[in-house]
Structure formats: C-alpha cells, structure tokens
C-alpha cells in the first residue's frame, strides 16, 4: 500500500485520467473529490461490497454467465 500525505486542495493522480483531491479536513474526517472517466466505477468500500453481495445473490452464488464458444 502506498501511503501519501496531502493537505487541503492537494491532489494525487492515478494513471493519466484519475485525480483525487483533498477537498476538506474536519477533525478525523477527510473529504475527497474524485475525477475519473465515467466508464470507471467509483464506490465507497461498503457500497462496493454490497454490490458484490447483490451480484452473487442474483446469480445464486454462481459466477456470471459468459458465453463460451461451441465446440
């Protein structure tokens, strides 16, 4: 894990097209602004985990069906 120190209004750039900016710091909370292309989903961890659980439930615990070529 890369650990960086940033102050308010400072940014971190990931790749060529993702920018994370420290928007505000209040007590023990940090507000981040994230600029990313719309095709890259950005979620809080708990939301991502809920999406994964829902996806597994809707697939009855089976991996998503990806068509395979017929032999």
C-alpha atoms as a PDB file:
ATOM      1  CA  UNK A   1       0.000   0.000   0.000  1.00  0.00           C
ATOM      2  CA  UNK A   2       1.280   3.416  -0.959  1.00  0.00           C
ATOM      3  CA  UNK A   3       0.758   5.958   1.821  1.00  0.00           C
ATOM      4  CA  UNK A   4       0.905   9.649   0.940  1.00  0.00           C
ATOM      5  CA  UNK A   5       0.469  12.841   2.924  1.00  0.00           C
ATOM      6  CA  UNK A   6      -1.648  15.554   1.320  1.00  0.00           C
ATOM      7  CA  UNK A   7      -3.017  18.843   2.552  1.00  0.00           C
ATOM      8  CA  UNK A   8      -6.297  20.509   1.628  1.00  0.00           C
ATOM      9  CA  UNK A   9      -6.578  21.250  -2.111  1.00  0.00           C
ATOM     10  CA  UNK A  10      -3.657  18.937  -2.952  1.00  0.00           C
ATOM     11  CA  UNK A  11      -4.163  16.052  -5.352  1.00  0.00           C
ATOM     12  CA  UNK A  12      -2.985  12.569  -6.228  1.00  0.00           C
ATOM     13  CA  UNK A  13      -3.014  11.464  -9.856  1.00  0.00           C
ATOM     14  CA  UNK A  14      -3.552   7.818 -10.812  1.00  0.00           C
ATOM     15  CA  UNK A  15      -2.643   6.904 -14.356  1.00  0.00           C
ATOM     16  CA  UNK A  16      -3.436   9.593 -16.887  1.00  0.00           C
ATOM     17  CA  UNK A  17      -7.053  10.239 -16.057  1.00  0.00           C
ATOM     18  CA  UNK A  18      -7.906   9.822 -12.357  1.00  0.00           C
ATOM     19  CA  UNK A  19      -7.408  12.716  -9.947  1.00  0.00           C
ATOM     20  CA  UNK A  20      -8.124  12.503  -6.219  1.00  0.00           C
ATOM     21  CA  UNK A  21      -8.170  15.834  -4.398  1.00  0.00           C
ATOM     22  CA  UNK A  22      -8.392  16.513  -0.662  1.00  0.00           C
ATOM     23  CA  UNK A  23     -11.400  18.837  -0.538  1.00  0.00           C
ATOM     24  CA  UNK A  24     -11.780  19.320   3.205  1.00  0.00           C
ATOM     25  CA  UNK A  25     -10.429  18.086   6.535  1.00  0.00           C
ATOM     26  CA  UNK A  26     -12.594  18.332   9.657  1.00  0.00           C
ATOM     27  CA  UNK A  27     -11.452  16.556  12.789  1.00  0.00           C
ATOM     28  CA  UNK A  28     -10.994  12.902  11.927  1.00  0.00           C
ATOM     29  CA  UNK A  29     -12.857  13.113   8.584  1.00  0.00           C
ATOM     30  CA  UNK A  30     -11.342  13.821   5.209  1.00  0.00           C
ATOM     31  CA  UNK A  31     -13.483  14.730   2.184  1.00  0.00           C
ATOM     32  CA  UNK A  32     -12.106  13.612  -1.150  1.00  0.00           C
ATOM     33  CA  UNK A  33     -13.066  14.728  -4.625  1.00  0.00           C
ATOM     34  CA  UNK A  34     -12.558  12.133  -7.351  1.00  0.00           C
ATOM     35  CA  UNK A  35     -12.395  12.877 -11.054  1.00  0.00           C
ATOM     36  CA  UNK A  36     -12.476   9.741 -13.178  1.00  0.00           C
ATOM     37  CA  UNK A  37     -13.853   8.750 -16.570  1.00  0.00           C
ATOM     38  CA  UNK A  38     -17.496   7.674 -16.404  1.00  0.00           C
ATOM     39  CA  UNK A  39     -16.583   4.146 -17.524  1.00  0.00           C
ATOM     40  CA  UNK A  40     -14.556   3.652 -14.321  1.00  0.00           C
ATOM     41  CA  UNK A  41     -16.895   2.946 -11.388  1.00  0.00           C
ATOM     42  CA  UNK A  42     -16.007   4.680  -8.126  1.00  0.00           C
ATOM     43  CA  UNK A  43     -17.674   3.476  -4.907  1.00  0.00           C
ATOM     44  CA  UNK A  44     -17.105   3.639  -1.177  1.00  0.00           C
ATOM     45  CA  UNK A  45     -15.884   0.240   0.046  1.00  0.00           C
ATOM     46  CA  UNK A  46     -19.125  -0.644   1.834  1.00  0.00           C
ATOM     47  CA  UNK A  47     -21.156   0.168  -1.296  1.00  0.00           C
ATOM     48  CA  UNK A  48     -18.815  -1.897  -3.468  1.00  0.00           C
ATOM     49  CA  UNK A  49     -19.131  -4.862  -1.098  1.00  0.00           C
ATOM     50  CA  UNK A  50     -22.950  -4.577  -1.116  1.00  0.00           C
ATOM     51  CA  UNK A  51     -22.943  -4.545  -4.929  1.00  0.00           C
ATOM     52  CA  UNK A  52     -20.765  -7.656  -4.932  1.00  0.00           C
ATOM     53  CA  UNK A  53     -23.086  -9.435  -2.474  1.00  0.00           C
ATOM     54  CA  UNK A  54     -26.159  -8.482  -4.508  1.00  0.00           C
ATOM     55  CA  UNK A  55     -24.465  -9.681  -7.676  1.00  0.00           C
ATOM     56  CA  UNK A  56     -23.638 -13.039  -6.110  1.00  0.00           C
ATOM     57  CA  UNK A  57     -27.174 -13.391  -4.747  1.00  0.00           C
ATOM     58  CA  UNK A  58     -28.782 -12.636  -8.103  1.00  0.00           C
ATOM     59  CA  UNK A  59     -26.510 -15.239  -9.728  1.00  0.00           C
ATOM     60  CA  UNK A  60     -27.338 -17.760  -6.969  1.00  0.00           C
ATOM     61  CA  UNK A  61     -23.691 -17.812  -5.968  1.00  0.00           C
ATOM     62  CA  UNK A  62     -22.617 -18.873  -9.456  1.00  0.00           C
ATOM     63  CA  UNK A  63     -20.080 -16.929 -11.474  1.00  0.00           C
ATOM     64  CA  UNK A  64     -21.639 -14.651 -14.065  1.00  0.00           C
ATOM     65  CA  UNK A  65     -22.503 -16.452 -17.258  1.00  0.00           C
ATOM     66  CA  UNK A  66     -20.046 -15.650 -20.014  1.00  0.00           C
ATOM     67  CA  UNK A  67     -20.857 -17.273 -23.331  1.00  0.00           C
ATOM     68  CA  UNK A  68     -18.234 -19.767 -24.391  1.00  0.00           C
ATOM     69  CA  UNK A  69     -17.590 -20.829 -27.980  1.00  0.00           C
ATOM     70  CA  UNK A  70     -19.292 -24.067 -29.008  1.00  0.00           C
ATOM     71  CA  UNK A  71     -17.048 -26.968 -29.882  1.00  0.00           C
END
